[in-house]
Full PDB file with SEQRES, HELIX, SHEET, SSBOND, CRYST1, ORIGX, SCALE, CONECT and MASTER records, all heavy atoms in Angstrom:
SEQRES   1 A   44  ASN VAL ILE LYS ALA ALA ASP VAL ASN SER ASP GLY ARG          
SEQRES   2 A   44  MET ASP LEU VAL VAL SER ASP ARG LYS ASN GLY LYS ILE          
SEQRES   3 A   44  LYS ILE LEU LEU ASN LYS TYR GLY GLU PHE SER SER ILE          
SEQRES   4 A   44  HIS THR GLU ASN ALA                                          
SHEET    1 AA1 4 VAL A   2  ALA A   6  0                                        
SHEET    2 AA1 4 ASP A  15  ASP A  20 -1                                        
SHEET    3 AA1 4 LYS A  25  LEU A  29 -1                                        
SHEET    4 AA1 4 HIS A  40  THR A  41 -1                                        
CRYST1    1.000    1.000    1.000  90.00  90.00  90.00 P 1           1          
ORIGX1      1.000000  0.000000  0.000000        0.00000                         
ORIGX2      0.000000  1.000000  0.000000        0.00000                         
ORIGX3      0.000000  0.000000  1.000000        0.00000                         
SCALE1      1.000000  0.000000  0.000000        0.00000                         
SCALE2      0.000000  1.000000  0.000000        0.00000                         
SCALE3      0.000000  0.000000  1.000000        0.00000                         
ATOM      1  N   ASN A   1       0.801  -1.242   0.003  1.00  0.00           N  
ATOM      2  CA  ASN A   1       0.053   0.014   0.017  1.00  0.00           C  
ATOM      3  C   ASN A   1       0.873   1.242   0.013  1.00  0.00           C  
ATOM      4  O   ASN A   1       0.297   2.406  -0.309  1.00  0.00           O  
ATOM      5  CB  ASN A   1      -0.994   0.058   1.203  1.00  0.00           C  
ATOM      6  CG  ASN A   1      -0.204   0.046   2.545  1.00  0.00           C  
ATOM      7  OD1 ASN A   1       0.565  -0.784   2.857  1.00  0.00           O  
ATOM      8  ND2 ASN A   1      -0.471   1.158   3.374  1.00  0.00           N  
ATOM      9  N   VAL A   2       2.129   1.132   0.293  1.00  0.00           N  
ATOM     10  CA  VAL A   2       3.073   2.214   0.218  1.00  0.00           C  
ATOM     11  C   VAL A   2       4.376   1.675  -0.353  1.00  0.00           C  
ATOM     12  O   VAL A   2       4.823   0.640   0.133  1.00  0.00           O  
ATOM     13  CB  VAL A   2       3.340   2.929   1.585  1.00  0.00           C  
ATOM     14  CG1 VAL A   2       4.352   4.060   1.433  1.00  0.00           C  
ATOM     15  CG2 VAL A   2       2.082   3.428   2.230  1.00  0.00           C  
ATOM     16  N   ILE A   3       4.996   2.358  -1.284  1.00  0.00           N  
ATOM     17  CA  ILE A   3       6.304   1.970  -1.837  1.00  0.00           C  
ATOM     18  C   ILE A   3       7.137   3.265  -1.936  1.00  0.00           C  
ATOM     19  O   ILE A   3       6.723   4.237  -2.476  1.00  0.00           O  
ATOM     20  CB  ILE A   3       6.203   1.210  -3.150  1.00  0.00           C  
ATOM     21  CG1 ILE A   3       7.576   0.722  -3.608  1.00  0.00           C  
ATOM     22  CG2 ILE A   3       5.485   2.080  -4.214  1.00  0.00           C  
ATOM     23  CD1 ILE A   3       7.466  -0.303  -4.770  1.00  0.00           C  
ATOM     24  N   LYS A   4       8.375   3.199  -1.417  1.00  0.00           N  
ATOM     25  CA  LYS A   4       9.232   4.426  -1.401  1.00  0.00           C  
ATOM     26  C   LYS A   4      10.667   3.964  -1.853  1.00  0.00           C  
ATOM     27  O   LYS A   4      11.071   2.855  -1.529  1.00  0.00           O  
ATOM     28  CB  LYS A   4       9.377   4.919  -0.030  1.00  0.00           C  
ATOM     29  CG  LYS A   4       8.095   5.502   0.614  1.00  0.00           C  
ATOM     30  CD  LYS A   4       7.570   6.705  -0.081  1.00  0.00           C  
ATOM     31  CE  LYS A   4       6.390   7.338   0.608  1.00  0.00           C  
ATOM     32  NZ  LYS A   4       5.953   8.610   0.049  1.00  0.00           N  
ATOM     33  N   ALA A   5      11.311   4.850  -2.549  1.00  0.00           N  
ATOM     34  CA  ALA A   5      12.666   4.584  -3.013  1.00  0.00           C  
ATOM     35  C   ALA A   5      13.621   5.250  -1.981  1.00  0.00           C  
ATOM     36  O   ALA A   5      13.459   6.427  -1.759  1.00  0.00           O  
ATOM     37  CB  ALA A   5      12.902   5.077  -4.430  1.00  0.00           C  
ATOM     38  N   ALA A   6      14.628   4.538  -1.502  1.00  0.00           N  
ATOM     39  CA  ALA A   6      15.584   5.067  -0.538  1.00  0.00           C  
ATOM     40  C   ALA A   6      16.901   4.219  -0.605  1.00  0.00           C  
ATOM     41  O   ALA A   6      16.806   2.956  -0.843  1.00  0.00           O  
ATOM     42  CB  ALA A   6      15.023   5.060   0.824  1.00  0.00           C  
ATOM     43  N   ASP A   7      18.033   4.817  -0.367  1.00  0.00           N  
ATOM     44  CA  ASP A   7      19.219   4.041  -0.315  1.00  0.00           C  
ATOM     45  C   ASP A   7      19.444   3.551   1.142  1.00  0.00           C  
ATOM     46  O   ASP A   7      20.065   4.210   1.989  1.00  0.00           O  
ATOM     47  CB  ASP A   7      20.415   4.927  -0.709  1.00  0.00           C  
ATOM     48  CG  ASP A   7      21.761   4.149  -0.759  1.00  0.00           C  
ATOM     49  OD1 ASP A   7      21.762   2.962  -0.555  1.00  0.00           O  
ATOM     50  OD2 ASP A   7      22.774   4.809  -1.010  1.00  0.00           O  
ATOM     51  N   VAL A   8      18.883   2.420   1.442  1.00  0.00           N  
ATOM     52  CA  VAL A   8      18.711   1.923   2.823  1.00  0.00           C  
ATOM     53  C   VAL A   8      20.145   1.560   3.304  1.00  0.00           C  
ATOM     54  O   VAL A   8      20.456   1.913   4.439  1.00  0.00           O  
ATOM     55  CB  VAL A   8      17.869   0.654   2.867  1.00  0.00           C  
ATOM     56  CG1 VAL A   8      17.848   0.058   4.206  1.00  0.00           C  
ATOM     57  CG2 VAL A   8      16.392   1.019   2.500  1.00  0.00           C  
ATOM     58  N   ASN A   9      20.963   0.871   2.560  1.00  0.00           N  
ATOM     59  CA  ASN A   9      22.295   0.395   3.011  1.00  0.00           C  
ATOM     60  C   ASN A   9      23.448   1.213   2.571  1.00  0.00           C  
ATOM     61  O   ASN A   9      24.616   0.768   2.663  1.00  0.00           O  
ATOM     62  CB  ASN A   9      22.496  -1.059   2.564  1.00  0.00           C  
ATOM     63  CG  ASN A   9      22.391  -1.242   1.072  1.00  0.00           C  
ATOM     64  OD1 ASN A   9      22.055  -0.328   0.312  1.00  0.00           O  
ATOM     65  ND2 ASN A   9      22.787  -2.477   0.624  1.00  0.00           N  
ATOM     66  N   SER A  10      23.195   2.508   2.060  1.00  0.00           N  
ATOM     67  CA  SER A  10      24.290   3.413   1.750  1.00  0.00           C  
ATOM     68  C   SER A  10      25.231   2.939   0.773  1.00  0.00           C  
ATOM     69  O   SER A  10      26.512   3.182   0.918  1.00  0.00           O  
ATOM     70  CB  SER A  10      24.967   3.902   3.075  1.00  0.00           C  
ATOM     71  OG  SER A  10      23.998   4.428   3.934  1.00  0.00           O  
ATOM     72  N   ASP A  11      24.807   2.180  -0.251  1.00  0.00           N  
ATOM     73  CA  ASP A  11      25.703   1.631  -1.333  1.00  0.00           C  
ATOM     74  C   ASP A  11      25.635   2.425  -2.597  1.00  0.00           C  
ATOM     75  O   ASP A  11      26.305   2.111  -3.633  1.00  0.00           O  
ATOM     76  CB  ASP A  11      25.519   0.150  -1.557  1.00  0.00           C  
ATOM     77  CG  ASP A  11      24.128  -0.173  -2.144  1.00  0.00           C  
ATOM     78  OD1 ASP A  11      23.290   0.816  -2.187  1.00  0.00           O  
ATOM     79  OD2 ASP A  11      23.883  -1.274  -2.459  1.00  0.00           O  
ATOM     80  N   GLY A  12      24.897   3.569  -2.545  1.00  0.00           N  
ATOM     81  CA  GLY A  12      24.753   4.309  -3.739  1.00  0.00           C  
ATOM     82  C   GLY A  12      23.632   3.921  -4.654  1.00  0.00           C  
ATOM     83  O   GLY A  12      23.471   4.540  -5.711  1.00  0.00           O  
ATOM     84  N   ARG A  13      22.927   2.942  -4.370  1.00  0.00           N  
ATOM     85  CA  ARG A  13      21.781   2.375  -5.172  1.00  0.00           C  
ATOM     86  C   ARG A  13      20.498   2.566  -4.450  1.00  0.00           C  
ATOM     87  O   ARG A  13      20.421   2.303  -3.214  1.00  0.00           O  
ATOM     88  CB  ARG A  13      22.086   0.915  -5.599  1.00  0.00           C  
ATOM     89  CG  ARG A  13      23.276   0.697  -6.514  1.00  0.00           C  
ATOM     90  CD  ARG A  13      23.387  -0.680  -6.949  1.00  0.00           C  
ATOM     91  NE  ARG A  13      23.740  -1.594  -5.880  1.00  0.00           N  
ATOM     92  CZ  ARG A  13      24.994  -1.907  -5.540  1.00  0.00           C  
ATOM     93  NH1 ARG A  13      26.007  -1.351  -6.213  1.00  0.00           N  
ATOM     94  NH2 ARG A  13      25.297  -2.727  -4.569  1.00  0.00           N  
ATOM     95  N   MET A  14      19.473   2.912  -5.137  1.00  0.00           N  
ATOM     96  CA  MET A  14      18.155   3.136  -4.533  1.00  0.00           C  
ATOM     97  C   MET A  14      17.419   1.767  -4.398  1.00  0.00           C  
ATOM     98  O   MET A  14      17.165   1.077  -5.327  1.00  0.00           O  
ATOM     99  CB  MET A  14      17.321   4.056  -5.487  1.00  0.00           C  
ATOM    100  CG  MET A  14      17.960   5.502  -5.604  1.00  0.00           C  
ATOM    101  SD  MET A  14      18.241   6.300  -4.055  1.00  0.00           S  
ATOM    102  CE  MET A  14      16.614   6.703  -3.561  1.00  0.00           C  
ATOM    103  N   ASP A  15      17.058   1.507  -3.121  1.00  0.00           N  
ATOM    104  CA  ASP A  15      16.321   0.372  -2.759  1.00  0.00           C  
ATOM    105  C   ASP A  15      14.872   0.655  -2.679  1.00  0.00           C  
ATOM    106  O   ASP A  15      14.449   1.801  -2.860  1.00  0.00           O  
ATOM    107  CB  ASP A  15      16.899  -0.143  -1.383  1.00  0.00           C  
ATOM    108  CG  ASP A  15      18.362  -0.266  -1.395  1.00  0.00           C  
ATOM    109  OD1 ASP A  15      18.911  -0.952  -2.288  1.00  0.00           O  
ATOM    110  OD2 ASP A  15      19.042   0.333  -0.480  1.00  0.00           O  
ATOM    111  N   LEU A  16      14.044  -0.319  -2.302  1.00  0.00           N  
ATOM    112  CA  LEU A  16      12.674  -0.162  -2.154  1.00  0.00           C  
ATOM    113  C   LEU A  16      12.173  -0.504  -0.740  1.00  0.00           C  
ATOM    114  O   LEU A  16      12.583  -1.580  -0.202  1.00  0.00           O  
ATOM    115  CB  LEU A  16      11.867  -0.994  -3.142  1.00  0.00           C  
ATOM    116  CG  LEU A  16      12.009  -0.683  -4.677  1.00  0.00           C  
ATOM    117  CD1 LEU A  16      11.332  -1.739  -5.514  1.00  0.00           C  
ATOM    118  CD2 LEU A  16      11.407   0.704  -4.893  1.00  0.00           C  
ATOM    119  N   VAL A  17      11.475   0.423  -0.118  1.00  0.00           N  
ATOM    120  CA  VAL A  17      10.824   0.151   1.197  1.00  0.00           C  
ATOM    121  C   VAL A  17       9.356   0.065   0.958  1.00  0.00           C  
ATOM    122  O   VAL A  17       8.677   0.997   0.437  1.00  0.00           O  
ATOM    123  CB  VAL A  17      11.180   1.284   2.153  1.00  0.00           C  
ATOM    124  CG1 VAL A  17      10.446   0.985   3.486  1.00  0.00           C  
ATOM    125  CG2 VAL A  17      12.635   1.419   2.367  1.00  0.00           C  
ATOM    126  N   VAL A  18       8.721  -1.027   1.380  1.00  0.00           N  
ATOM    127  CA  VAL A  18       7.347  -1.308   0.998  1.00  0.00           C  
ATOM    128  C   VAL A  18       6.559  -1.664   2.254  1.00  0.00           C  
ATOM    129  O   VAL A  18       6.988  -2.422   3.090  1.00  0.00           O  
ATOM    130  CB  VAL A  18       7.235  -2.508   0.006  1.00  0.00           C  
ATOM    131  CG1 VAL A  18       5.802  -2.685  -0.459  1.00  0.00           C  
ATOM    132  CG2 VAL A  18       8.130  -2.308  -1.173  1.00  0.00           C  
ATOM    133  N   SER A  19       5.389  -1.021   2.362  1.00  0.00           N  
ATOM    134  CA  SER A  19       4.458  -1.373   3.407  1.00  0.00           C  
ATOM    135  C   SER A  19       3.501  -2.465   2.889  1.00  0.00           C  
ATOM    136  O   SER A  19       2.851  -2.289   1.857  1.00  0.00           O  
ATOM    137  CB  SER A  19       3.675  -0.212   3.911  1.00  0.00           C  
ATOM    138  OG  SER A  19       2.612  -0.551   4.803  1.00  0.00           O  
ATOM    139  N   ASP A  20       3.400  -3.598   3.618  1.00  0.00           N  
ATOM    140  CA  ASP A  20       2.495  -4.664   3.221  1.00  0.00           C  
ATOM    141  C   ASP A  20       1.273  -4.672   4.092  1.00  0.00           C  
ATOM    142  O   ASP A  20       1.275  -5.081   5.209  1.00  0.00           O  
ATOM    143  CB  ASP A  20       3.186  -5.926   3.336  1.00  0.00           C  
ATOM    144  CG  ASP A  20       2.389  -7.179   2.991  1.00  0.00           C  
ATOM    145  OD1 ASP A  20       1.256  -7.013   2.602  1.00  0.00           O  
ATOM    146  OD2 ASP A  20       2.867  -8.345   3.181  1.00  0.00           O  
ATOM    147  N   ARG A  21       0.216  -4.138   3.534  1.00  0.00           N  
ATOM    148  CA  ARG A  21      -1.087  -4.012   4.330  1.00  0.00           C  
ATOM    149  C   ARG A  21      -1.709  -5.368   4.661  1.00  0.00           C  
ATOM    150  O   ARG A  21      -2.242  -5.514   5.755  1.00  0.00           O  
ATOM    151  CB  ARG A  21      -2.069  -3.089   3.522  1.00  0.00           C  
ATOM    152  CG  ARG A  21      -3.418  -3.013   4.242  1.00  0.00           C  
ATOM    153  CD  ARG A  21      -4.294  -1.960   3.498  1.00  0.00           C  
ATOM    154  NE  ARG A  21      -3.822  -0.668   3.687  1.00  0.00           N  
ATOM    155  CZ  ARG A  21      -4.326   0.449   3.071  1.00  0.00           C  
ATOM    156  NH1 ARG A  21      -5.316   0.300   2.259  1.00  0.00           N  
ATOM    157  NH2 ARG A  21      -3.787   1.612   3.293  1.00  0.00           N  
ATOM    158  N   LYS A  22      -1.520  -6.313   3.777  1.00  0.00           N  
ATOM    159  CA  LYS A  22      -2.206  -7.587   3.978  1.00  0.00           C  
ATOM    160  C   LYS A  22      -1.579  -8.282   5.213  1.00  0.00           C  
ATOM    161  O   LYS A  22      -2.320  -8.934   5.992  1.00  0.00           O  
ATOM    162  CB  LYS A  22      -2.074  -8.498   2.718  1.00  0.00           C  
ATOM    163  CG  LYS A  22      -2.729  -9.787   2.867  1.00  0.00           C  
ATOM    164  CD  LYS A  22      -2.628 -10.619   1.614  1.00  0.00           C  
ATOM    165  CE  LYS A  22      -3.345 -10.036   0.439  1.00  0.00           C  
ATOM    166  NZ  LYS A  22      -3.274 -10.851  -0.831  1.00  0.00           N  
ATOM    167  N   ASN A  23      -0.219  -8.334   5.346  1.00  0.00           N  
ATOM    168  CA  ASN A  23       0.434  -9.040   6.398  1.00  0.00           C  
ATOM    169  C   ASN A  23       0.901  -8.147   7.539  1.00  0.00           C  
ATOM    170  O   ASN A  23       1.478  -8.620   8.506  1.00  0.00           O  
ATOM    171  CB  ASN A  23       1.651  -9.758   5.796  1.00  0.00           C  
ATOM    172  CG  ASN A  23       1.163 -10.798   4.754  1.00  0.00           C  
ATOM    173  OD1 ASN A  23       0.350 -11.668   5.026  1.00  0.00           O  
ATOM    174  ND2 ASN A  23       1.781 -10.678   3.569  1.00  0.00           N  
ATOM    175  N   GLY A  24       0.665  -6.824   7.409  1.00  0.00           N  
ATOM    176  CA  GLY A  24       1.047  -5.935   8.460  1.00  0.00           C  
ATOM    177  C   GLY A  24       2.548  -5.867   8.723  1.00  0.00           C  
ATOM    178  O   GLY A  24       2.996  -5.935   9.889  1.00  0.00           O  
ATOM    179  N   LYS A  25       3.331  -5.656   7.666  1.00  0.00           N  
ATOM    180  CA  LYS A  25       4.778  -5.705   7.760  1.00  0.00           C  
ATOM    181  C   LYS A  25       5.357  -4.622   6.926  1.00  0.00           C  
ATOM    182  O   LYS A  25       4.746  -4.100   5.989  1.00  0.00           O  
ATOM    183  CB  LYS A  25       5.336  -7.021   7.317  1.00  0.00           C  
ATOM    184  CG  LYS A  25       4.965  -8.280   8.114  1.00  0.00           C  
ATOM    185  CD  LYS A  25       5.543  -8.337   9.491  1.00  0.00           C  
ATOM    186  CE  LYS A  25       5.211  -9.537  10.222  1.00  0.00           C  
ATOM    187  NZ  LYS A  25       5.828  -9.592  11.539  1.00  0.00           N  
ATOM    188  N   ILE A  26       6.644  -4.288   7.268  1.00  0.00           N  
ATOM    189  CA  ILE A  26       7.450  -3.337   6.385  1.00  0.00           C  
ATOM    190  C   ILE A  26       8.530  -4.268   5.779  1.00  0.00           C  
ATOM    191  O   ILE A  26       9.220  -5.022   6.516  1.00  0.00           O  
ATOM    192  CB  ILE A  26       8.119  -2.309   7.221  1.00  0.00           C  
ATOM    193  CG1 ILE A  26       7.104  -1.373   7.912  1.00  0.00           C  
ATOM    194  CG2 ILE A  26       9.098  -1.392   6.255  1.00  0.00           C  
ATOM    195  CD1 ILE A  26       6.211  -0.665   6.996  1.00  0.00           C  
ATOM    196  N   LYS A  27       8.591  -4.258   4.393  1.00  0.00           N  
ATOM    197  CA  LYS A  27       9.505  -5.062   3.682  1.00  0.00           C  
ATOM    198  C   LYS A  27      10.536  -4.233   2.933  1.00  0.00           C  
ATOM    199  O   LYS A  27      10.134  -3.199   2.404  1.00  0.00           O  
ATOM    200  CB  LYS A  27       8.795  -6.051   2.840  1.00  0.00           C  
ATOM    201  CG  LYS A  27       7.795  -7.034   3.635  1.00  0.00           C  
ATOM    202  CD  LYS A  27       7.062  -7.988   2.779  1.00  0.00           C  
ATOM    203  CE  LYS A  27       6.217  -8.880   3.608  1.00  0.00           C  
ATOM    204  NZ  LYS A  27       5.396  -9.856   2.762  1.00  0.00           N  
ATOM    205  N   ILE A  28      11.770  -4.732   2.841  1.00  0.00           N  
ATOM    206  CA  ILE A  28      12.758  -3.964   2.203  1.00  0.00           C  
ATOM    207  C   ILE A  28      13.383  -4.790   1.075  1.00  0.00           C  
ATOM    208  O   ILE A  28      13.774  -5.973   1.282  1.00  0.00           O  
ATOM    209  CB  ILE A  28      13.932  -3.527   3.221  1.00  0.00           C  
ATOM    210  CG1 ILE A  28      13.287  -2.727   4.278  1.00  0.00           C  
ATOM    211  CG2 ILE A  28      15.025  -2.819   2.480  1.00  0.00           C  
ATOM    212  CD1 ILE A  28      14.161  -2.445   5.471  1.00  0.00           C  
ATOM    213  N   LEU A  29      13.531  -4.216  -0.122  1.00  0.00           N  
ATOM    214  CA  LEU A  29      14.116  -4.876  -1.256  1.00  0.00           C  
ATOM    215  C   LEU A  29      15.384  -4.155  -1.558  1.00  0.00           C  
ATOM    216  O   LEU A  29      15.346  -3.010  -2.068  1.00  0.00           O  
ATOM    217  CB  LEU A  29      13.153  -4.904  -2.470  1.00  0.00           C  
ATOM    218  CG  LEU A  29      11.915  -5.778  -2.424  1.00  0.00           C  
ATOM    219  CD1 LEU A  29      10.853  -5.260  -1.501  1.00  0.00           C  
ATOM    220  CD2 LEU A  29      11.312  -5.929  -3.810  1.00  0.00           C  
ATOM    221  N   LEU A  30      16.528  -4.802  -1.318  1.00  0.00           N  
ATOM    222  CA  LEU A  30      17.792  -4.208  -1.623  1.00  0.00           C  
ATOM    223  C   LEU A  30      18.108  -4.268  -3.099  1.00  0.00           C  
ATOM    224  O   LEU A  30      17.831  -5.297  -3.780  1.00  0.00           O  
ATOM    225  CB  LEU A  30      18.939  -4.870  -0.904  1.00  0.00           C  
ATOM    226  CG  LEU A  30      18.918  -4.588   0.641  1.00  0.00           C  
ATOM    227  CD1 LEU A  30      20.187  -5.291   1.301  1.00  0.00           C  
ATOM    228  CD2 LEU A  30      18.945  -3.083   0.975  1.00  0.00           C  
ATOM    229  N   ASN A  31      18.679  -3.170  -3.664  1.00  0.00           N  
ATOM    230  CA  ASN A  31      19.018  -3.108  -5.079  1.00  0.00           C  
ATOM    231  C   ASN A  31      20.355  -3.669  -5.308  1.00  0.00           C  
ATOM    232  O   ASN A  31      21.386  -3.132  -4.867  1.00  0.00           O  
ATOM    233  CB  ASN A  31      18.877  -1.625  -5.494  1.00  0.00           C  
ATOM    234  CG  ASN A  31      19.131  -1.371  -6.969  1.00  0.00           C  
ATOM    235  OD1 ASN A  31      19.558  -2.255  -7.753  1.00  0.00           O  
ATOM    236  ND2 ASN A  31      18.876  -0.213  -7.453  1.00  0.00           N  
ATOM    237  N   LYS A  32      20.417  -4.755  -6.071  1.00  0.00           N  
ATOM    238  CA  LYS A  32      21.729  -5.340  -6.432  1.00  0.00           C  
ATOM    239  C   LYS A  32      22.006  -5.081  -7.883  1.00  0.00           C  
ATOM    240  O   LYS A  32      21.569  -5.807  -8.760  1.00  0.00           O  
ATOM    241  CB  LYS A  32      21.663  -6.876  -6.163  1.00  0.00           C  
ATOM    242  CG  LYS A  32      21.444  -7.236  -4.735  1.00  0.00           C  
ATOM    243  CD  LYS A  32      22.599  -6.866  -3.763  1.00  0.00           C  
ATOM    244  CE  LYS A  32      22.285  -7.391  -2.359  1.00  0.00           C  
ATOM    245  NZ  LYS A  32      23.447  -7.034  -1.488  1.00  0.00           N  
ATOM    246  N   TYR A  33      22.535  -3.960  -8.185  1.00  0.00           N  
ATOM    247  CA  TYR A  33      22.913  -3.505  -9.557  1.00  0.00           C  
ATOM    248  C   TYR A  33      21.740  -3.550 -10.486  1.00  0.00           C  
ATOM    249  O   TYR A  33      21.773  -4.159 -11.578  1.00  0.00           O  
ATOM    250  CB  TYR A  33      24.059  -4.449 -10.071  1.00  0.00           C  
ATOM    251  CG  TYR A  33      25.365  -4.437  -9.237  1.00  0.00           C  
ATOM    252  CD1 TYR A  33      25.580  -5.376  -8.315  1.00  0.00           C  
ATOM    253  CD2 TYR A  33      26.233  -3.266  -9.287  1.00  0.00           C  
ATOM    254  CE1 TYR A  33      26.685  -5.362  -7.544  1.00  0.00           C  
ATOM    255  CE2 TYR A  33      27.304  -3.258  -8.480  1.00  0.00           C  
ATOM    256  CZ  TYR A  33      27.564  -4.244  -7.606  1.00  0.00           C  
ATOM    257  OH  TYR A  33      28.674  -4.226  -6.830  1.00  0.00           O  
ATOM    258  N   GLY A  34      20.582  -3.013  -9.973  1.00  0.00           N  
ATOM    259  CA  GLY A  34      19.427  -2.905 -10.848  1.00  0.00           C  
ATOM    260  C   GLY A  34      18.459  -3.992 -10.649  1.00  0.00           C  
ATOM    261  O   GLY A  34      17.380  -4.031 -11.204  1.00  0.00           O  
ATOM    262  N   GLU A  35      18.789  -5.075  -9.862  1.00  0.00           N  
ATOM    263  CA  GLU A  35      17.887  -6.156  -9.668  1.00  0.00           C  
ATOM    264  C   GLU A  35      17.533  -6.242  -8.111  1.00  0.00           C  
ATOM    265  O   GLU A  35      18.293  -5.908  -7.218  1.00  0.00           O  
ATOM    266  CB  GLU A  35      18.604  -7.529 -10.018  1.00  0.00           C  
ATOM    267  CG  GLU A  35      18.908  -7.546 -11.532  1.00  0.00           C  
ATOM    268  CD  GLU A  35      19.596  -8.903 -11.881  1.00  0.00           C  
ATOM    269  OE1 GLU A  35      19.730  -9.726 -10.954  1.00  0.00           O  
ATOM    270  OE2 GLU A  35      19.777  -9.138 -13.032  1.00  0.00           O  
ATOM    271  N   PHE A  36      16.278  -6.648  -7.867  1.00  0.00           N  
ATOM    272  CA  PHE A  36      15.819  -6.789  -6.510  1.00  0.00           C  
ATOM    273  C   PHE A  36      15.529  -8.258  -6.247  1.00  0.00           C  
ATOM    274  O   PHE A  36      14.464  -8.719  -6.535  1.00  0.00           O  
ATOM    275  CB  PHE A  36      14.558  -5.927  -6.309  1.00  0.00           C  
ATOM    276  CG  PHE A  36      14.773  -4.511  -6.556  1.00  0.00           C  
ATOM    277  CD1 PHE A  36      14.596  -4.003  -7.803  1.00  0.00           C  
ATOM    278  CD2 PHE A  36      15.158  -3.637  -5.541  1.00  0.00           C  
ATOM    279  CE1 PHE A  36      14.810  -2.641  -8.032  1.00  0.00           C  
ATOM    280  CE2 PHE A  36      15.306  -2.249  -5.779  1.00  0.00           C  
ATOM    281  CZ  PHE A  36      15.250  -1.782  -7.061  1.00  0.00           C  
ATOM    282  N   SER A  37      16.510  -8.972  -5.831  1.00  0.00           N  
ATOM    283  CA  SER A  37      16.443 -10.424  -5.767  1.00  0.00           C  
ATOM    284  C   SER A  37      15.911 -11.040  -4.492  1.00  0.00           C  
ATOM    285  O   SER A  37      15.477 -12.145  -4.482  1.00  0.00           O  
ATOM    286  CB  SER A  37      17.814 -11.077  -6.102  1.00  0.00           C  
ATOM    287  OG  SER A  37      18.788 -10.591  -5.112  1.00  0.00           O  
ATOM    288  N   SER A  38      15.916 -10.252  -3.415  1.00  0.00           N  
ATOM    289  CA  SER A  38      15.460 -10.758  -2.068  1.00  0.00           C  
ATOM    290  C   SER A  38      14.672  -9.725  -1.424  1.00  0.00           C  
ATOM    291  O   SER A  38      14.832  -8.511  -1.599  1.00  0.00           O  
ATOM    292  CB  SER A  38      16.623 -11.233  -1.304  1.00  0.00           C  
ATOM    293  OG  SER A  38      17.444 -10.155  -0.947  1.00  0.00           O  
ATOM    294  N   ILE A  39      13.785 -10.159  -0.464  1.00  0.00           N  
ATOM    295  CA  ILE A  39      12.911  -9.298   0.335  1.00  0.00           C  
ATOM    296  C   ILE A  39      13.218  -9.519   1.768  1.00  0.00           C  
ATOM    297  O   ILE A  39      13.097 -10.697   2.269  1.00  0.00           O  
ATOM    298  CB  ILE A  39      11.443  -9.576  -0.010  1.00  0.00           C  
ATOM    299  CG1 ILE A  39      11.137  -9.278  -1.473  1.00  0.00           C  
ATOM    300  CG2 ILE A  39      10.600  -8.671   0.863  1.00  0.00           C  
ATOM    301  CD1 ILE A  39       9.688  -9.481  -1.880  1.00  0.00           C  
ATOM    302  N   HIS A  40      13.637  -8.426   2.495  1.00  0.00           N  
ATOM    303  CA  HIS A  40      13.867  -8.563   3.972  1.00  0.00           C  
ATOM    304  C   HIS A  40      12.585  -8.027   4.652  1.00  0.00           C  
ATOM    305  O   HIS A  40      12.093  -6.961   4.346  1.00  0.00           O  
ATOM    306  CB  HIS A  40      15.028  -7.738   4.317  1.00  0.00           C  
ATOM    307  CG  HIS A  40      15.139  -7.541   5.863  1.00  0.00           C  
ATOM    308  ND1 HIS A  40      15.648  -8.562   6.600  1.00  0.00           N  
ATOM    309  CD2 HIS A  40      14.836  -6.498   6.694  1.00  0.00           C  
ATOM    310  CE1 HIS A  40      15.639  -8.071   7.889  1.00  0.00           C  
ATOM    311  NE2 HIS A  40      15.114  -6.870   7.963  1.00  0.00           N  
ATOM    312  N   THR A  41      12.038  -8.774   5.573  1.00  0.00           N  
ATOM    313  CA  THR A  41      10.953  -8.394   6.351  1.00  0.00           C  
ATOM    314  C   THR A  41      11.354  -7.946   7.740  1.00  0.00           C  
ATOM    315  O   THR A  41      12.029  -8.749   8.409  1.00  0.00           O  
ATOM    316  CB  THR A  41       9.916  -9.605   6.474  1.00  0.00           C  
ATOM    317  OG1 THR A  41       9.489  -9.963   5.220  1.00  0.00           O  
ATOM    318  CG2 THR A  41       8.712  -9.091   7.298  1.00  0.00           C  
ATOM    319  N   GLU A  42      10.993  -6.737   8.087  1.00  0.00           N  
ATOM    320  CA  GLU A  42      11.296  -6.320   9.429  1.00  0.00           C  
ATOM    321  C   GLU A  42      10.484  -7.070  10.579  1.00  0.00           C  
ATOM    322  O   GLU A  42       9.261  -7.169  10.380  1.00  0.00           O  
ATOM    323  CB  GLU A  42      10.972  -4.850   9.614  1.00  0.00           C  
ATOM    324  CG  GLU A  42      12.132  -3.894   9.109  1.00  0.00           C  
ATOM    325  CD  GLU A  42      13.363  -4.137   9.953  1.00  0.00           C  
ATOM    326  OE1 GLU A  42      13.401  -3.662  11.112  1.00  0.00           O  
ATOM    327  OE2 GLU A  42      14.393  -4.678   9.441  1.00  0.00           O  
ATOM    328  N   ASN A  43      11.196  -7.612  11.464  1.00  0.00           N  
ATOM    329  CA  ASN A  43      10.528  -8.394  12.598  1.00  0.00           C  
ATOM    330  C   ASN A  43       9.738  -7.485  13.496  1.00  0.00           C  
ATOM    331  O   ASN A  43      10.091  -6.344  13.714  1.00  0.00           O  
ATOM    332  CB  ASN A  43      11.631  -9.127  13.349  1.00  0.00           C  
ATOM    333  CG  ASN A  43      12.419 -10.179  12.523  1.00  0.00           C  
ATOM    334  OD1 ASN A  43      11.802 -10.765  11.664  1.00  0.00           O  
ATOM    335  ND2 ASN A  43      13.655 -10.435  12.820  1.00  0.00           N  
ATOM    336  N   ALA A  44       8.645  -8.024  13.960  1.00  0.00           N  
ATOM    337  CA  ALA A  44       7.799  -7.334  14.944  1.00  0.00           C  
ATOM    338  C   ALA A  44       7.443  -5.990  14.449  1.00  0.00           C  
ATOM    339  O   ALA A  44       7.404  -4.974  15.234  1.00  0.00           O  
ATOM    340  CB  ALA A  44       8.532  -7.268  16.325  1.00  0.00           C  
TER     341      ALA A  44                                                      
MASTER        0    0    0    0    4    0    0    6  340    1    0    4          
END                                                                             
C-alpha cells in the first residue's frame, strides 16, 4: 500500500521500502545492480 525509493544500506543504489497492508509488515528490497532479488521483512 506504500512503496518508497531510498538508499537503505548506503551503497549508492536506490532500494525499495514497502508497506505490506495484507500481512502488516514493512519489507525492504535491496537493489543489487538494478535487480531486486530478495525481500527482507522487518521483525515485529
